[in-house]
Amino acid sequence: MTMLFDLRQLGRKGSGTLRDEHVDRTFRAADFAASAVEDEAYKVVAPVHLVMDVHKDGEAYRASGRVSTTLELECGRCLEPFTVPVDSAFELRYVPEPVAHVDGEAEREVAEDDLATSYYKEDAIDLGELMHEQFVLALPMKPLCSEACKGLCAQCGTNLNLATCDCRATWTDSRLAALEGLLNTKKE
């Protein structure tokens, strides 16, 4: 299934002056497995529903809509997989991809409008890239299967949500061993 939206189709329906297009597509979760980068922090595990309106404004296009699915993440404490629903609204401005930079071109500061600006090339918007961006923005800063997750034992690696262990939970700093020796002599 193609994940490109052909911008040339705007204006082809009816009188040829249509400047808006409504997109309502559902992609299979498997469509994202092949394009996933190895170091991604998520896996798409449910169909992805994309609804958006595209409006032509000269050379630029405005895309606004919503993407929803379910992602599988790894808990940051216990390393067990868990799912997170995603329902992300977006509003992006697409402009033609700039020509390759020539050496010596001055750097420019990123303006606030640039944060909501994306690029299209060859008269198409890459919907896969748009959805990937929304998934990454929806990820929690610290993925946890639950706020009460106990994590793993630092000594033996037991998942403390599922079992207990007999490991000693205290931590000693070897640099303070001499001071501990002083405390032990005073007790005697």
N, C-alpha and C. Protein backbone atom coordinates (compact mmCIF):
# COMPACT_ATOMS: atom_id res chain seq x y z
N MET A 1 0.86 -1.19 0.00
CA MET A 1 0.00 0.00 0.00
C MET A 1 0.90 1.24 0.00
N THR A 2 0.58 2.16 -0.87
CA THR A 2 1.39 3.37 -0.96
C THR A 2 1.06 4.34 0.17
N MET A 3 2.08 5.00 0.65
CA MET A 3 1.88 5.97 1.72
C MET A 3 2.19 7.38 1.23
N LEU A 4 2.04 7.59 -0.07
CA LEU A 4 2.24 8.92 -0.63
C LEU A 4 0.90 9.52 -1.00
N PHE A 5 0.77 10.82 -0.75
CA PHE A 5 -0.42 11.55 -1.16
C PHE A 5 -0.01 12.46 -2.31
N ASP A 6 -0.57 12.21 -3.49
CA ASP A 6 -0.23 12.96 -4.69
C ASP A 6 -0.92 14.32 -4.65
N LEU A 7 -0.12 15.37 -4.53
CA LEU A 7 -0.68 16.73 -4.44
C LEU A 7 -1.27 17.20 -5.77
N ARG A 8 -0.89 16.56 -6.87
CA ARG A 8 -1.42 16.97 -8.18
C ARG A 8 -2.89 16.62 -8.33
N GLN A 9 -3.43 15.76 -7.45
CA GLN A 9 -4.83 15.38 -7.56
C GLN A 9 -5.75 16.50 -7.09
N LEU A 10 -5.23 17.48 -6.35
CA LEU A 10 -6.04 18.63 -5.97
C LEU A 10 -6.37 19.39 -7.24
N GLY A 11 -7.62 19.65 -7.49
CA GLY A 11 -8.02 20.38 -8.68
C GLY A 11 -8.45 19.47 -9.81
N ARG A 12 -8.37 18.17 -9.63
CA ARG A 12 -8.75 17.24 -10.70
C ARG A 12 -10.22 16.84 -10.62
N LYS A 13 -10.83 17.02 -9.49
CA LYS A 13 -12.24 16.63 -9.36
C LYS A 13 -13.14 17.79 -9.77
N GLY A 14 -14.26 17.46 -10.36
CA GLY A 14 -15.26 18.49 -10.69
C GLY A 14 -14.76 19.50 -11.69
N SER A 15 -14.83 20.78 -11.32
CA SER A 15 -14.53 21.88 -12.24
C SER A 15 -13.05 22.09 -12.46
N GLY A 16 -12.20 21.42 -11.69
CA GLY A 16 -10.76 21.61 -11.86
C GLY A 16 -10.21 22.73 -11.01
N THR A 17 -11.04 23.33 -10.16
CA THR A 17 -10.56 24.43 -9.32
C THR A 17 -10.58 24.07 -7.84
N LEU A 18 -10.80 22.80 -7.55
CA LEU A 18 -10.85 22.37 -6.16
C LEU A 18 -9.49 22.56 -5.50
N ARG A 19 -9.48 23.23 -4.35
CA ARG A 19 -8.23 23.50 -3.65
C ARG A 19 -8.14 22.72 -2.35
N ASP A 20 -9.14 21.91 -2.06
CA ASP A 20 -9.18 21.13 -0.82
C ASP A 20 -9.39 19.66 -1.14
N GLU A 21 -8.84 18.82 -0.29
CA GLU A 21 -9.02 17.38 -0.44
C GLU A 21 -9.16 16.78 0.94
N HIS A 22 -10.13 15.88 1.11
CA HIS A 22 -10.32 15.17 2.37
C HIS A 22 -9.72 13.78 2.21
N VAL A 23 -8.89 13.39 3.15
CA VAL A 23 -8.23 12.09 3.13
C VAL A 23 -8.70 11.30 4.34
N ASP A 24 -9.14 10.07 4.10
CA ASP A 24 -9.56 9.17 5.18
C ASP A 24 -9.04 7.80 4.80
N ARG A 25 -7.91 7.41 5.40
CA ARG A 25 -7.27 6.13 5.05
C ARG A 25 -6.94 5.34 6.32
N THR A 26 -6.99 4.04 6.16
CA THR A 26 -6.57 3.14 7.23
C THR A 26 -5.44 2.28 6.70
N PHE A 27 -4.35 2.23 7.45
CA PHE A 27 -3.18 1.44 7.09
C PHE A 27 -3.05 0.28 8.05
N ARG A 28 -2.59 -0.86 7.55
CA ARG A 28 -2.37 -2.03 8.40
C ARG A 28 -1.12 -1.79 9.26
N ALA A 29 -1.09 -2.39 10.43
CA ALA A 29 0.08 -2.28 11.30
C ALA A 29 1.30 -2.85 10.60
N ALA A 30 1.12 -3.88 9.81
CA ALA A 30 2.23 -4.52 9.09
C ALA A 30 2.87 -3.57 8.08
N ASP A 31 2.13 -2.57 7.61
CA ASP A 31 2.68 -1.59 6.66
C ASP A 31 3.81 -0.78 7.29
N PHE A 32 3.85 -0.73 8.60
CA PHE A 32 4.86 0.06 9.30
C PHE A 32 6.06 -0.77 9.73
N ALA A 33 5.91 -2.08 9.76
CA ALA A 33 7.01 -2.95 10.19
C ALA A 33 8.18 -2.87 9.23
N ALA A 34 7.91 -2.85 7.93
CA ALA A 34 8.99 -2.84 6.94
C ALA A 34 9.74 -1.52 6.93
N SER A 35 9.07 -0.44 7.28
CA SER A 35 9.71 0.87 7.22
C SER A 35 10.29 1.30 8.56
N ALA A 36 10.14 0.46 9.58
CA ALA A 36 10.61 0.84 10.92
C ALA A 36 12.14 0.86 10.98
N VAL A 37 12.64 1.84 11.66
CA VAL A 37 14.08 1.95 11.88
C VAL A 37 14.42 1.08 13.08
N GLU A 38 15.57 0.43 13.06
CA GLU A 38 15.93 -0.52 14.11
C GLU A 38 15.95 0.08 15.51
N ASP A 39 16.29 1.34 15.64
CA ASP A 39 16.41 1.93 16.98
C ASP A 39 15.13 2.64 17.43
N GLU A 40 14.02 2.36 16.78
CA GLU A 40 12.76 2.99 17.18
C GLU A 40 12.35 2.52 18.56
N ALA A 41 11.69 3.38 19.29
CA ALA A 41 11.26 3.06 20.66
C ALA A 41 9.84 2.52 20.69
N TYR A 42 9.24 2.27 19.53
CA TYR A 42 7.86 1.80 19.49
C TYR A 42 7.66 0.80 18.35
N LYS A 43 6.52 0.09 18.44
CA LYS A 43 6.09 -0.82 17.38
C LYS A 43 4.60 -0.56 17.18
N VAL A 44 4.17 -0.42 15.94
CA VAL A 44 2.75 -0.23 15.64
C VAL A 44 2.08 -1.59 15.73
N VAL A 45 1.03 -1.72 16.58
CA VAL A 45 0.38 -3.01 16.80
C VAL A 45 -1.11 -3.01 16.46
N ALA A 46 -1.62 -1.93 15.92
CA ALA A 46 -3.03 -1.86 15.53
C ALA A 46 -3.13 -1.06 14.23
N PRO A 47 -4.23 -1.23 13.50
CA PRO A 47 -4.38 -0.42 12.28
C PRO A 47 -4.27 1.08 12.59
N VAL A 48 -3.70 1.81 11.64
CA VAL A 48 -3.51 3.25 11.81
C VAL A 48 -4.57 3.96 10.97
N HIS A 49 -5.35 4.81 11.63
CA HIS A 49 -6.40 5.57 10.95
C HIS A 49 -5.94 7.01 10.80
N LEU A 50 -5.87 7.46 9.58
CA LEU A 50 -5.45 8.83 9.27
C LEU A 50 -6.60 9.57 8.61
N VAL A 51 -6.98 10.68 9.21
CA VAL A 51 -8.00 11.56 8.63
C VAL A 51 -7.39 12.94 8.56
N MET A 52 -7.40 13.54 7.36
CA MET A 52 -6.84 14.89 7.24
C MET A 52 -7.47 15.62 6.07
N ASP A 53 -7.39 16.94 6.16
CA ASP A 53 -7.82 17.81 5.08
C ASP A 53 -6.59 18.52 4.56
N VAL A 54 -6.44 18.55 3.25
CA VAL A 54 -5.31 19.22 2.62
C VAL A 54 -5.85 20.40 1.84
N HIS A 55 -5.27 21.57 2.07
CA HIS A 55 -5.70 22.81 1.41
C HIS A 55 -4.51 23.41 0.66
N LYS A 56 -4.71 23.71 -0.61
CA LYS A 56 -3.65 24.31 -1.42
C LYS A 56 -3.65 25.82 -1.23
N ASP A 57 -2.46 26.37 -1.01
CA ASP A 57 -2.30 27.82 -0.83
C ASP A 57 -1.05 28.24 -1.59
N GLY A 58 -1.20 28.46 -2.89
CA GLY A 58 -0.05 28.80 -3.74
C GLY A 58 0.85 27.60 -3.89
N GLU A 59 2.14 27.77 -3.55
CA GLU A 59 3.11 26.67 -3.59
C GLU A 59 3.04 25.82 -2.33
N ALA A 60 2.38 26.31 -1.31
CA ALA A 60 2.32 25.60 -0.03
C ALA A 60 0.99 24.86 0.10
N TYR A 61 0.99 23.90 1.02
CA TYR A 61 -0.22 23.14 1.33
C TYR A 61 -0.35 23.09 2.85
N ARG A 62 -1.58 23.14 3.32
CA ARG A 62 -1.85 23.03 4.75
C ARG A 62 -2.56 21.70 4.98
N ALA A 63 -2.00 20.88 5.85
CA ALA A 63 -2.60 19.59 6.17
C ALA A 63 -2.97 19.60 7.65
N SER A 64 -4.23 19.35 7.93
CA SER A 64 -4.66 19.29 9.33
C SER A 64 -5.53 18.05 9.49
N GLY A 65 -5.34 17.40 10.61
CA GLY A 65 -6.11 16.18 10.82
C GLY A 65 -5.73 15.47 12.08
N ARG A 66 -5.90 14.16 12.05
CA ARG A 66 -5.72 13.33 13.24
C ARG A 66 -5.25 11.95 12.81
N VAL A 67 -4.35 11.38 13.60
CA VAL A 67 -3.88 10.01 13.38
C VAL A 67 -4.10 9.24 14.68
N SER A 68 -4.65 8.01 14.55
CA SER A 68 -4.89 7.21 15.75
C SER A 68 -4.50 5.75 15.51
N THR A 69 -3.94 5.15 16.54
CA THR A 69 -3.51 3.75 16.52
C THR A 69 -3.15 3.32 17.92
N THR A 70 -2.52 2.17 18.04
CA THR A 70 -1.98 1.69 19.31
C THR A 70 -0.52 1.32 19.08
N LEU A 71 0.34 1.80 19.96
CA LEU A 71 1.77 1.51 19.88
C LEU A 71 2.17 0.60 21.03
N GLU A 72 3.17 -0.23 20.76
CA GLU A 72 3.74 -1.06 21.82
C GLU A 72 5.09 -0.47 22.20
N LEU A 73 5.29 -0.27 23.50
CA LEU A 73 6.54 0.29 24.01
C LEU A 73 7.15 -0.68 25.01
N GLU A 74 8.39 -0.42 25.39
CA GLU A 74 9.06 -1.19 26.42
C GLU A 74 9.12 -0.34 27.68
N CYS A 75 8.69 -0.91 28.80
CA CYS A 75 8.70 -0.17 30.07
C CYS A 75 10.14 0.21 30.44
N GLY A 76 10.32 1.43 30.88
CA GLY A 76 11.64 1.92 31.25
C GLY A 76 12.14 1.37 32.58
N ARG A 77 11.28 0.71 33.35
CA ARG A 77 11.69 0.14 34.64
C ARG A 77 11.83 -1.39 34.60
N CYS A 78 10.79 -2.07 34.06
CA CYS A 78 10.80 -3.54 34.10
C CYS A 78 11.10 -4.19 32.75
N LEU A 79 11.19 -3.39 31.71
CA LEU A 79 11.51 -3.84 30.35
C LEU A 79 10.44 -4.71 29.71
N GLU A 80 9.26 -4.80 30.30
CA GLU A 80 8.16 -5.58 29.74
C GLU A 80 7.43 -4.72 28.70
N PRO A 81 6.91 -5.35 27.64
CA PRO A 81 6.15 -4.58 26.64
C PRO A 81 4.77 -4.19 27.19
N PHE A 82 4.29 -3.02 26.75
CA PHE A 82 2.94 -2.57 27.09
C PHE A 82 2.45 -1.69 25.95
N THR A 83 1.14 -1.47 25.88
CA THR A 83 0.57 -0.70 24.77
C THR A 83 0.10 0.67 25.24
N VAL A 84 0.13 1.60 24.29
CA VAL A 84 -0.30 2.98 24.53
C VAL A 84 -1.18 3.40 23.36
N PRO A 85 -2.40 3.87 23.63
CA PRO A 85 -3.22 4.38 22.54
C PRO A 85 -2.71 5.75 22.09
N VAL A 86 -2.77 6.00 20.79
CA VAL A 86 -2.34 7.28 20.24
C VAL A 86 -3.52 7.89 19.50
N ASP A 87 -3.81 9.13 19.80
CA ASP A 87 -4.83 9.89 19.09
C ASP A 87 -4.29 11.31 19.00
N SER A 88 -3.54 11.56 17.94
CA SER A 88 -2.77 12.79 17.82
C SER A 88 -3.31 13.70 16.73
N ALA A 89 -3.63 14.93 17.12
CA ALA A 89 -4.07 15.93 16.15
C ALA A 89 -2.84 16.68 15.64
N PHE A 90 -2.88 17.11 14.39
CA PHE A 90 -1.76 17.83 13.82
C PHE A 90 -2.26 18.90 12.85
N GLU A 91 -1.42 19.89 12.67
CA GLU A 91 -1.64 20.92 11.66
C GLU A 91 -0.26 21.31 11.14
N LEU A 92 -0.01 20.96 9.89
CA LEU A 92 1.30 21.17 9.30
C LEU A 92 1.19 21.98 8.01
N ARG A 93 2.25 22.69 7.73
CA ARG A 93 2.35 23.45 6.49
C ARG A 93 3.43 22.79 5.66
N TYR A 94 3.10 22.42 4.43
CA TYR A 94 4.06 21.77 3.54
C TYR A 94 4.49 22.76 2.46
N VAL A 95 5.78 22.88 2.29
CA VAL A 95 6.36 23.73 1.25
C VAL A 95 7.29 22.86 0.41
N PRO A 96 7.62 23.29 -0.82
CA PRO A 96 8.53 22.48 -1.64
C PRO A 96 9.87 22.29 -0.94
N GLU A 97 10.45 21.11 -1.11
CA GLU A 97 11.75 20.83 -0.51
C GLU A 97 12.77 21.79 -1.11
N PRO A 98 13.58 22.44 -0.26
CA PRO A 98 14.54 23.42 -0.79
C PRO A 98 15.62 22.73 -1.63
N VAL A 99 16.19 23.50 -2.53
CA VAL A 99 17.27 23.00 -3.36
C VAL A 99 18.48 22.76 -2.45
N ALA A 100 19.30 21.78 -2.80
CA ALA A 100 20.47 21.46 -1.98
C ALA A 100 21.29 22.70 -1.71
N HIS A 101 21.77 22.80 -0.47
CA HIS A 101 22.53 23.98 -0.06
C HIS A 101 23.90 24.01 -0.72
N VAL A 102 24.32 25.19 -1.10
CA VAL A 102 25.63 25.40 -1.69
C VAL A 102 26.60 25.73 -0.56
N ASP A 103 27.83 25.22 -0.64
CA ASP A 103 28.82 25.53 0.40
C ASP A 103 28.97 27.03 0.54
N GLY A 104 29.09 27.46 1.78
CA GLY A 104 29.28 28.88 2.04
C GLY A 104 27.97 29.61 2.30
N GLU A 105 26.84 28.91 2.14
CA GLU A 105 25.56 29.56 2.40
C GLU A 105 25.43 29.83 3.89
N ALA A 106 24.97 30.99 4.23
CA ALA A 106 24.86 31.39 5.64
C ALA A 106 23.81 30.56 6.35
N GLU A 107 24.09 30.26 7.62
CA GLU A 107 23.11 29.56 8.43
C GLU A 107 22.01 30.53 8.80
N ARG A 108 20.82 29.98 9.05
CA ARG A 108 19.74 30.85 9.47
C ARG A 108 19.10 30.26 10.72
N GLU A 109 18.55 31.12 11.52
CA GLU A 109 17.92 30.71 12.77
C GLU A 109 16.56 30.10 12.47
N VAL A 110 16.19 29.09 13.26
CA VAL A 110 14.90 28.43 13.09
C VAL A 110 13.83 29.33 13.69
N ALA A 111 12.84 29.66 12.87
CA ALA A 111 11.73 30.48 13.34
C ALA A 111 10.64 29.57 13.91
N GLU A 112 9.73 30.15 14.69
CA GLU A 112 8.66 29.37 15.31
C GLU A 112 7.80 28.69 14.25
N ASP A 113 7.54 29.35 13.13
CA ASP A 113 6.74 28.77 12.06
C ASP A 113 7.41 27.54 11.46
N ASP A 114 8.75 27.48 11.52
CA ASP A 114 9.48 26.35 10.94
C ASP A 114 9.17 25.05 11.67
N LEU A 115 8.75 25.12 12.93
CA LEU A 115 8.47 23.92 13.69
C LEU A 115 7.23 23.19 13.18
N ALA A 116 6.34 23.89 12.53
CA ALA A 116 5.13 23.28 11.97
C ALA A 116 5.23 23.18 10.45
N THR A 117 6.44 23.33 9.91
CA THR A 117 6.64 23.28 8.47
C THR A 117 7.36 22.00 8.09
N SER A 118 6.82 21.31 7.10
CA SER A 118 7.45 20.11 6.55
C SER A 118 7.64 20.34 5.07
N TYR A 119 8.32 19.40 4.43
CA TYR A 119 8.63 19.56 3.01
C TYR A 119 8.02 18.42 2.20
N TYR A 120 7.58 18.78 1.00
CA TYR A 120 7.15 17.75 0.06
C TYR A 120 8.10 17.77 -1.11
N LYS A 121 8.20 16.60 -1.76
CA LYS A 121 9.04 16.52 -2.95
C LYS A 121 8.31 15.73 -4.01
N GLU A 122 8.61 16.06 -5.23
CA GLU A 122 8.00 15.41 -6.39
C GLU A 122 6.48 15.44 -6.30
N ASP A 123 5.93 16.57 -5.86
CA ASP A 123 4.49 16.79 -5.76
C ASP A 123 3.75 15.74 -4.93
N ALA A 124 4.39 15.27 -3.85
CA ALA A 124 3.75 14.27 -3.00
C ALA A 124 4.14 14.49 -1.54
N ILE A 125 3.18 14.24 -0.66
CA ILE A 125 3.43 14.26 0.78
C ILE A 125 3.63 12.81 1.21
N ASP A 126 4.70 12.54 1.94
CA ASP A 126 4.97 11.21 2.46
C ASP A 126 4.15 11.02 3.73
N LEU A 127 3.04 10.29 3.61
CA LEU A 127 2.16 10.08 4.76
C LEU A 127 2.83 9.20 5.82
N GLY A 128 3.69 8.30 5.41
CA GLY A 128 4.43 7.47 6.37
C GLY A 128 5.29 8.32 7.27
N GLU A 129 5.96 9.30 6.69
CA GLU A 129 6.80 10.22 7.46
C GLU A 129 5.94 11.08 8.39
N LEU A 130 4.81 11.55 7.89
CA LEU A 130 3.89 12.36 8.70
C LEU A 130 3.42 11.57 9.92
N MET A 131 3.01 10.31 9.69
CA MET A 131 2.50 9.50 10.80
C MET A 131 3.63 9.14 11.78
N HIS A 132 4.81 8.81 11.27
CA HIS A 132 5.95 8.51 12.14
C HIS A 132 6.24 9.70 13.06
N GLU A 133 6.23 10.89 12.50
CA GLU A 133 6.47 12.09 13.30
C GLU A 133 5.44 12.23 14.41
N GLN A 134 4.18 11.95 14.10
CA GLN A 134 3.13 12.05 15.11
C GLN A 134 3.28 10.99 16.18
N PHE A 135 3.72 9.79 15.79
CA PHE A 135 3.96 8.72 16.78
C PHE A 135 5.06 9.14 17.75
N VAL A 136 6.15 9.64 17.21
CA VAL A 136 7.28 10.04 18.05
C VAL A 136 6.87 11.17 19.00
N LEU A 137 6.08 12.12 18.51
CA LEU A 137 5.62 13.22 19.36
C LEU A 137 4.68 12.73 20.46
N ALA A 138 3.98 11.63 20.22
CA ALA A 138 3.02 11.11 21.20
C ALA A 138 3.68 10.21 22.26
N LEU A 139 4.93 9.81 22.04
CA LEU A 139 5.60 8.93 22.99
C LEU A 139 5.82 9.63 24.33
N PRO A 140 5.61 8.91 25.43
CA PRO A 140 5.89 9.53 26.74
C PRO A 140 7.40 9.71 26.94
N MET A 141 7.77 10.70 27.74
CA MET A 141 9.19 10.94 28.02
C MET A 141 9.83 9.71 28.66
N LYS A 142 9.16 9.13 29.63
CA LYS A 142 9.64 7.91 30.28
C LYS A 142 8.52 6.89 30.19
N PRO A 143 8.64 5.94 29.28
CA PRO A 143 7.57 4.95 29.13
C PRO A 143 7.50 3.99 30.33
N LEU A 144 6.35 3.96 30.98
CA LEU A 144 6.14 3.08 32.14
C LEU A 144 4.87 2.27 31.92
N CYS A 145 4.94 0.97 32.24
CA CYS A 145 3.75 0.13 32.10
C CYS A 145 2.68 0.55 33.10
N SER A 146 3.11 1.07 34.26
CA SER A 146 2.21 1.68 35.24
C SER A 146 3.04 2.55 36.17
N GLU A 147 2.41 3.51 36.78
CA GLU A 147 3.12 4.39 37.72
C GLU A 147 3.67 3.61 38.90
N ALA A 148 3.02 2.49 39.24
CA ALA A 148 3.42 1.69 40.39
C ALA A 148 4.44 0.61 40.02
N CYS A 149 4.97 0.63 38.82
CA CYS A 149 5.93 -0.40 38.38
C CYS A 149 7.14 -0.41 39.32
N LYS A 150 7.49 -1.60 39.79
CA LYS A 150 8.60 -1.75 40.74
C LYS A 150 9.94 -1.94 40.04
N GLY A 151 9.92 -2.25 38.76
CA GLY A 151 11.16 -2.40 38.00
C GLY A 151 11.84 -3.74 38.23
N LEU A 152 13.16 -3.75 37.99
CA LEU A 152 13.97 -4.95 38.12
C LEU A 152 14.89 -4.83 39.34
N CYS A 153 15.20 -5.96 39.94
CA CYS A 153 16.16 -5.99 41.04
C CYS A 153 17.52 -5.64 40.47
N ALA A 154 18.21 -4.72 41.09
CA ALA A 154 19.53 -4.30 40.61
C ALA A 154 20.58 -5.39 40.78
N GLN A 155 20.33 -6.34 41.66
CA GLN A 155 21.31 -7.41 41.92
C GLN A 155 21.11 -8.60 41.00
N CYS A 156 19.89 -9.15 40.97
CA CYS A 156 19.66 -10.41 40.24
C CYS A 156 18.83 -10.25 38.98
N GLY A 157 18.19 -9.10 38.79
CA GLY A 157 17.41 -8.86 37.57
C GLY A 157 15.99 -9.38 37.61
N THR A 158 15.51 -9.83 38.74
CA THR A 158 14.14 -10.32 38.87
C THR A 158 13.15 -9.17 38.64
N ASN A 159 12.10 -9.45 37.88
CA ASN A 159 11.04 -8.46 37.69
C ASN A 159 10.25 -8.41 38.99
N LEU A 160 10.38 -7.32 39.73
CA LEU A 160 9.77 -7.18 41.05
C LEU A 160 8.26 -7.03 41.00
N ASN A 161 7.68 -6.85 39.84
CA ASN A 161 6.22 -6.84 39.69
C ASN A 161 5.67 -8.26 39.72
N LEU A 162 6.50 -9.24 39.33
CA LEU A 162 6.04 -10.62 39.21
C LEU A 162 6.53 -11.52 40.34
N ALA A 163 7.65 -11.17 40.94
CA ALA A 163 8.23 -12.04 41.98
C ALA A 163 9.05 -11.20 42.95
N THR A 164 9.43 -11.83 44.04
CA THR A 164 10.32 -11.17 45.00
C THR A 164 11.64 -11.93 45.01
N CYS A 165 12.65 -11.29 45.52
CA CYS A 165 13.96 -11.94 45.60
C CYS A 165 14.54 -11.68 46.99
N ASP A 166 15.61 -12.38 47.32
CA ASP A 166 16.24 -12.24 48.65
C ASP A 166 17.47 -11.36 48.61
N CYS A 167 17.62 -10.58 47.56
CA CYS A 167 18.79 -9.71 47.45
C CYS A 167 18.73 -8.59 48.48
N ARG A 168 19.89 -8.17 48.92
CA ARG A 168 19.99 -7.07 49.88
C ARG A 168 19.81 -5.76 49.13
N ALA A 169 18.92 -4.93 49.58
CA ALA A 169 18.59 -3.71 48.87
C ALA A 169 19.47 -2.52 49.24
N THR A 170 20.43 -2.71 50.13
CA THR A 170 21.26 -1.59 50.54
C THR A 170 22.44 -1.42 49.59
N TRP A 171 22.87 -0.23 49.47
CA TRP A 171 23.99 0.10 48.61
C TRP A 171 25.05 0.76 49.45
N THR A 172 26.29 0.32 49.31
CA THR A 172 27.38 0.94 50.06
C THR A 172 28.40 1.48 49.08
N ASP A 173 28.95 2.59 49.46
CA ASP A 173 29.97 3.24 48.65
C ASP A 173 31.33 2.87 49.23
N SER A 174 32.15 2.22 48.41
CA SER A 174 33.44 1.75 48.90
C SER A 174 34.33 2.90 49.40
N ARG A 175 34.09 4.10 48.94
CA ARG A 175 34.89 5.25 49.39
C ARG A 175 34.59 5.61 50.84
N LEU A 176 33.44 5.15 51.34
CA LEU A 176 33.06 5.46 52.72
C LEU A 176 33.35 4.31 53.68
N ALA A 177 34.03 3.25 53.20
CA ALA A 177 34.31 2.08 54.04
C ALA A 177 35.12 2.45 55.28
N ALA A 178 36.04 3.38 55.17
CA ALA A 178 36.85 3.79 56.32
C ALA A 178 35.97 4.44 57.38
N LEU A 179 35.00 5.24 56.98
CA LEU A 179 34.10 5.87 57.95
C LEU A 179 33.21 4.83 58.62
N GLU A 180 32.78 3.83 57.85
CA GLU A 180 31.96 2.77 58.42
C GLU A 180 32.75 2.00 59.49
N GLY A 181 34.04 1.82 59.25
CA GLY A 181 34.89 1.18 60.24
C GLY A 181 34.95 1.98 61.53
N LEU A 182 34.95 3.32 61.45
CA LEU A 182 34.92 4.15 62.65
C LEU A 182 33.64 3.99 63.42
N LEU A 183 32.51 3.89 62.73
CA LEU A 183 31.23 3.70 63.39
C LEU A 183 31.19 2.37 64.13
N ASN A 184 31.73 1.34 63.52
CA ASN A 184 31.73 0.01 64.15
C ASN A 184 32.61 -0.03 65.40
N THR A 185 33.72 0.71 65.45
CA THR A 185 34.60 0.70 66.63
C THR A 185 33.96 1.46 67.79
N LYS A 186 33.16 2.48 67.52
CA LYS A 186 32.51 3.24 68.59
C LYS A 186 31.43 2.41 69.27
N LYS A 187 30.80 1.49 68.54
CA LYS A 187 29.73 0.67 69.11
C LYS A 187 30.29 -0.34 70.09
N GLU A 188 31.52 -0.75 69.94
CA GLU A 188 32.12 -1.77 70.81
C GLU A 188 32.51 -1.25 72.13
